[in-house]
Amino acid sequence: MLDTQGKLYNNLMIKNILTPYIGKNIKIKYNLGRNKYETYEAQIIKIYNCVFLVKLKNNMVKSFSFADIITKNIKIYE
């Protein structure tokens, strides 16, 4: 798992990066492929070993994996 800046990421590092965002409003840009994106305004509500749960504005809950962050399928903004 190699980032473009040459940093190695593992699940513990991703978990530590996401922990300060619990309960805060964030934006998630999800790459669907073929230049299609979905953008969500959400709050991180729970972090597990390999996935994290977000609560969307319409009270729907979605889950994303840490692999989505590592492969840059999702980007998280404040």
Protein backbone atom coordinates (compact mmCIF):
# COMPACT_ATOMS: atom_id res chain seq x y z
CA MET A 1 0.00 0.00 0.00
CA LEU A 2 2.00 2.92 -1.29
CA ASP A 3 0.82 6.51 -1.46
CA THR A 4 1.97 8.84 -4.23
CA GLN A 5 4.21 10.69 -1.75
CA GLY A 6 5.92 7.40 -0.91
CA LYS A 7 4.29 6.95 2.51
CA LEU A 8 3.16 3.53 3.65
CA TYR A 9 -0.29 3.42 5.23
CA ASN A 10 -1.79 0.69 7.34
CA ASN A 11 -5.13 0.36 9.08
CA LEU A 12 -3.85 1.77 12.37
CA MET A 13 -2.53 4.92 10.67
CA ILE A 14 -5.82 5.48 8.82
CA LYS A 15 -7.73 4.94 12.06
CA ASN A 16 -5.54 7.53 13.83
CA ILE A 17 -6.07 10.01 10.99
CA LEU A 18 -9.87 9.61 11.07
CA THR A 19 -10.32 9.65 14.86
CA PRO A 20 -10.24 13.47 15.26
CA TYR A 21 -13.07 13.75 12.71
CA ILE A 22 -15.58 11.75 14.77
CA GLY A 23 -18.73 13.85 15.20
CA LYS A 24 -17.50 16.68 12.96
CA ASN A 25 -19.12 17.75 9.68
CA ILE A 26 -17.12 16.55 6.69
CA LYS A 27 -17.56 16.20 2.95
CA ILE A 28 -16.80 12.93 1.22
CA LYS A 29 -16.18 12.78 -2.51
CA TYR A 30 -16.62 9.20 -3.75
CA ASN A 31 -15.20 8.18 -7.13
CA LEU A 32 -17.62 5.88 -8.97
CA GLY A 33 -15.36 5.52 -12.00
CA ARG A 34 -15.61 6.89 -15.53
CA ASN A 35 -15.44 10.48 -14.26
CA LYS A 36 -18.54 10.03 -12.08
CA TYR A 37 -18.52 11.25 -8.49
CA GLU A 38 -20.92 11.34 -5.55
CA THR A 39 -20.49 13.96 -2.84
CA TYR A 40 -21.85 13.50 0.65
CA GLU A 41 -22.08 15.85 3.62
CA ALA A 42 -21.78 13.63 6.65
CA GLN A 43 -20.46 12.97 10.14
CA ILE A 44 -18.21 10.06 11.08
CA ILE A 45 -20.09 8.20 13.78
CA LYS A 46 -18.03 5.03 14.35
CA ILE A 47 -14.63 3.68 13.37
CA TYR A 48 -13.89 -0.05 13.29
CA ASN A 49 -10.72 -1.98 12.36
CA CYS A 50 -11.16 -1.77 8.58
CA VAL A 51 -14.26 0.35 8.00
CA PHE A 52 -15.89 3.52 9.25
CA LEU A 53 -19.53 4.59 9.36
CA VAL A 54 -20.84 7.99 8.38
CA LYS A 55 -24.27 9.50 8.97
CA LEU A 56 -25.53 11.54 6.04
CA LYS A 57 -27.68 14.67 6.29
CA ASN A 58 -30.83 12.62 5.58
CA ASN A 59 -29.98 10.30 8.56
CA MET A 60 -28.90 7.49 6.23
CA VAL A 61 -25.81 5.54 7.35
CA LYS A 62 -23.11 4.52 4.87
CA SER A 63 -19.91 2.60 5.41
CA PHE A 64 -16.56 3.01 3.72
CA SER A 65 -13.43 0.91 4.03
CA PHE A 66 -9.93 2.11 4.81
CA ALA A 67 -8.93 0.63 1.45
CA ASP A 68 -11.11 3.28 -0.22
CA ILE A 69 -8.90 5.95 1.36
CA ILE A 70 -5.65 4.18 0.50
CA THR A 71 -6.67 3.66 -3.14
CA LYS A 72 -8.05 7.23 -3.28
CA ASN A 73 -11.57 6.15 -4.20
CA ILE A 74 -12.79 8.60 -1.57
CA LYS A 75 -11.47 11.96 -0.47
CA ILE A 76 -12.43 13.58 2.82
CA TYR A 77 -12.70 17.34 3.23
CA GLU A 78 -13.58 19.49 6.23
